[in-house]
Amino acid sequence: MPQDPTERRVVVTGVPRRTRRTFGYYRPRTEIDEQTTLGHAYVRSLMHSQLRSALVVFAVLVLLVGPLPLVFAAIPDGASLEWAVLGFCVYPPLVLLARWYVRRVERNEKDFVRLVEDRGVENEDRGVENEDR
């Protein structure tokens, strides 16, 4: 059956889908798994932020607890006063310091995971807020 030259095929297409370009695109998780220089930089960045948080907590702890022997030496035989200082002046700041440290470290880890899983960039581009923030 010869086809009539006036009949043409119709091409049906859908809505264009948004695809990722593979050229120039990298996945941080792959960089970390393959232990490349960039992956090493990601892990090193996480370690530095965790170390920075720990050093801040240690410095505050030294400033808070370090002068206590001098304070206790200045108090003339006041054992009950020493316990009051330990219980009311030292313990609550230690608890607050521990809470701050845990929250800070967890936030560092969440930021790192969000970076590695590429969730932060995609969701911020779309204006979607993560539930875990």
Protein backbone atom coordinates (compact mmCIF):
# COMPACT_ATOMS: atom_id res chain seq x y z
CA MET A 1 0.00 0.00 0.00
CA PRO A 2 1.64 3.17 -1.08
CA GLN A 3 1.31 5.97 1.42
CA ASP A 4 -0.09 9.26 0.43
CA PRO A 5 2.67 11.94 0.63
CA THR A 6 0.27 14.32 2.30
CA GLU A 7 -0.18 12.02 5.31
CA ARG A 8 2.41 12.62 8.01
CA ARG A 9 3.22 10.99 11.23
CA VAL A 10 2.31 12.85 14.35
CA VAL A 11 4.79 12.86 17.21
CA VAL A 12 3.16 12.98 20.62
CA THR A 13 5.30 14.34 23.43
CA GLY A 14 4.63 14.92 27.05
CA VAL A 15 5.54 17.74 29.33
CA PRO A 16 9.33 18.21 29.32
CA ARG A 17 10.83 16.60 32.36
CA ARG A 18 13.53 18.24 34.38
CA THR A 19 16.63 16.11 34.23
CA ARG A 20 19.96 16.53 35.87
CA ARG A 21 22.96 17.27 33.81
CA THR A 22 25.59 14.63 34.24
CA PHE A 23 28.30 16.85 32.83
CA GLY A 24 30.14 18.55 35.67
CA TYR A 25 27.88 17.00 38.29
CA TYR A 26 29.33 15.16 41.25
CA ARG A 27 27.87 13.39 44.22
CA PRO A 28 29.59 14.04 47.54
CA ARG A 29 28.74 10.56 48.80
CA THR A 30 30.63 9.04 45.88
CA GLU A 31 33.58 11.29 46.60
CA ILE A 32 33.64 10.13 50.22
CA ASP A 33 33.21 6.45 49.36
CA GLU A 34 35.98 6.56 46.78
CA GLN A 35 38.20 8.43 49.26
CA THR A 36 39.12 11.15 46.82
CA THR A 37 40.71 14.43 47.82
CA LEU A 38 37.33 16.16 47.74
CA GLY A 39 35.75 13.42 49.87
CA HIS A 40 38.60 13.76 52.33
CA ALA A 41 37.92 17.50 52.47
CA TYR A 42 34.24 16.87 53.29
CA VAL A 43 35.05 14.49 56.13
CA ARG A 44 37.82 16.76 57.38
CA SER A 45 35.38 19.68 57.43
CA LEU A 46 32.99 17.68 59.61
CA MET A 47 35.82 16.68 61.93
CA HIS A 48 36.98 20.29 62.25
CA SER A 49 33.51 21.54 63.11
CA GLN A 50 33.12 18.79 65.73
CA LEU A 51 36.57 19.56 67.17
CA ARG A 52 35.77 23.28 67.28
CA SER A 53 32.61 22.57 69.28
CA ALA A 54 34.49 20.31 71.67
CA LEU A 55 37.24 22.90 72.22
CA VAL A 56 34.68 25.61 72.97
CA VAL A 57 33.02 23.37 75.54
CA PHE A 58 36.38 22.46 77.06
CA ALA A 59 37.41 26.12 77.33
CA VAL A 60 34.15 27.06 79.05
CA LEU A 61 34.52 24.06 81.35
CA VAL A 62 38.05 25.08 82.32
CA LEU A 63 36.91 28.63 83.03
CA LEU A 64 33.98 27.37 85.07
CA VAL A 65 35.61 24.59 87.09
CA GLY A 66 39.26 25.70 87.09
CA PRO A 67 38.96 28.47 89.68
CA LEU A 68 36.93 26.34 92.10
CA PRO A 69 39.92 25.21 94.20
CA LEU A 70 40.85 28.88 94.70
CA VAL A 71 37.27 29.70 95.68
CA PHE A 72 37.17 26.79 98.12
CA ALA A 73 40.54 27.78 99.59
CA ALA A 74 39.28 31.32 100.15
CA ILE A 75 36.22 30.10 102.04
CA PRO A 76 37.13 29.48 105.68
CA ASP A 77 35.94 25.96 106.59
CA GLY A 78 32.57 26.23 104.90
CA ALA A 79 31.77 22.71 103.77
CA SER A 80 28.07 23.47 103.35
CA LEU A 81 28.93 26.53 101.28
CA GLU A 82 31.17 24.42 99.06
CA TRP A 83 28.32 22.02 98.35
CA ALA A 84 26.02 24.96 97.61
CA VAL A 85 28.54 26.36 95.13
CA LEU A 86 28.90 22.96 93.47
CA GLY A 87 25.18 22.28 93.40
CA PHE A 88 23.78 25.65 92.41
CA CYS A 89 26.61 27.53 90.73
CA VAL A 90 28.40 24.77 88.84
CA TYR A 91 25.93 21.99 88.09
CA PRO A 92 23.25 23.98 86.16
CA PRO A 93 25.80 25.61 83.81
CA LEU A 94 27.34 22.17 83.21
CA VAL A 95 23.95 20.77 82.20
CA LEU A 96 23.32 23.73 79.88
CA LEU A 97 26.78 23.38 78.41
CA ALA A 98 26.21 19.67 77.76
CA ARG A 99 22.86 20.37 76.08
CA TRP A 100 24.41 23.04 73.88
CA TYR A 101 27.23 20.71 72.89
CA VAL A 102 24.92 17.82 71.97
CA ARG A 103 22.65 20.09 69.91
CA ARG A 104 25.60 21.69 68.15
CA VAL A 105 27.19 18.34 67.27
CA GLU A 106 23.87 16.93 66.03
CA ARG A 107 23.35 20.02 63.88
CA ASN A 108 26.84 19.60 62.40
CA GLU A 109 26.07 15.98 61.56
CA LYS A 110 22.68 16.87 60.03
CA ASP A 111 24.30 19.51 57.87
CA PHE A 112 26.91 17.00 56.75
CA VAL A 113 24.30 14.35 55.93
CA ARG A 114 22.20 16.91 54.06
CA LEU A 115 25.28 17.88 52.05
CA VAL A 116 26.21 14.29 51.28
CA GLU A 117 22.69 13.27 50.29
CA ASP A 118 22.19 16.43 48.19
CA ARG A 119 18.91 17.16 49.97
CA GLY A 120 19.76 20.68 51.02
CA VAL A 121 20.40 22.14 47.57
CA GLU A 122 17.46 20.50 45.83
CA ASN A 123 14.93 21.36 48.52
CA GLU A 124 16.15 24.92 48.88
CA ASP A 125 15.87 25.40 45.12
CA ARG A 126 12.25 24.27 45.22
CA GLY A 127 11.44 26.21 48.36
CA VAL A 128 10.63 23.05 50.29
CA GLU A 129 11.43 23.06 53.97
CA ASN A 130 12.84 19.88 55.47
CA GLU A 131 10.84 18.44 58.34
CA ASP A 132 13.95 17.53 60.31
CA ARG A 133 15.28 21.09 60.54
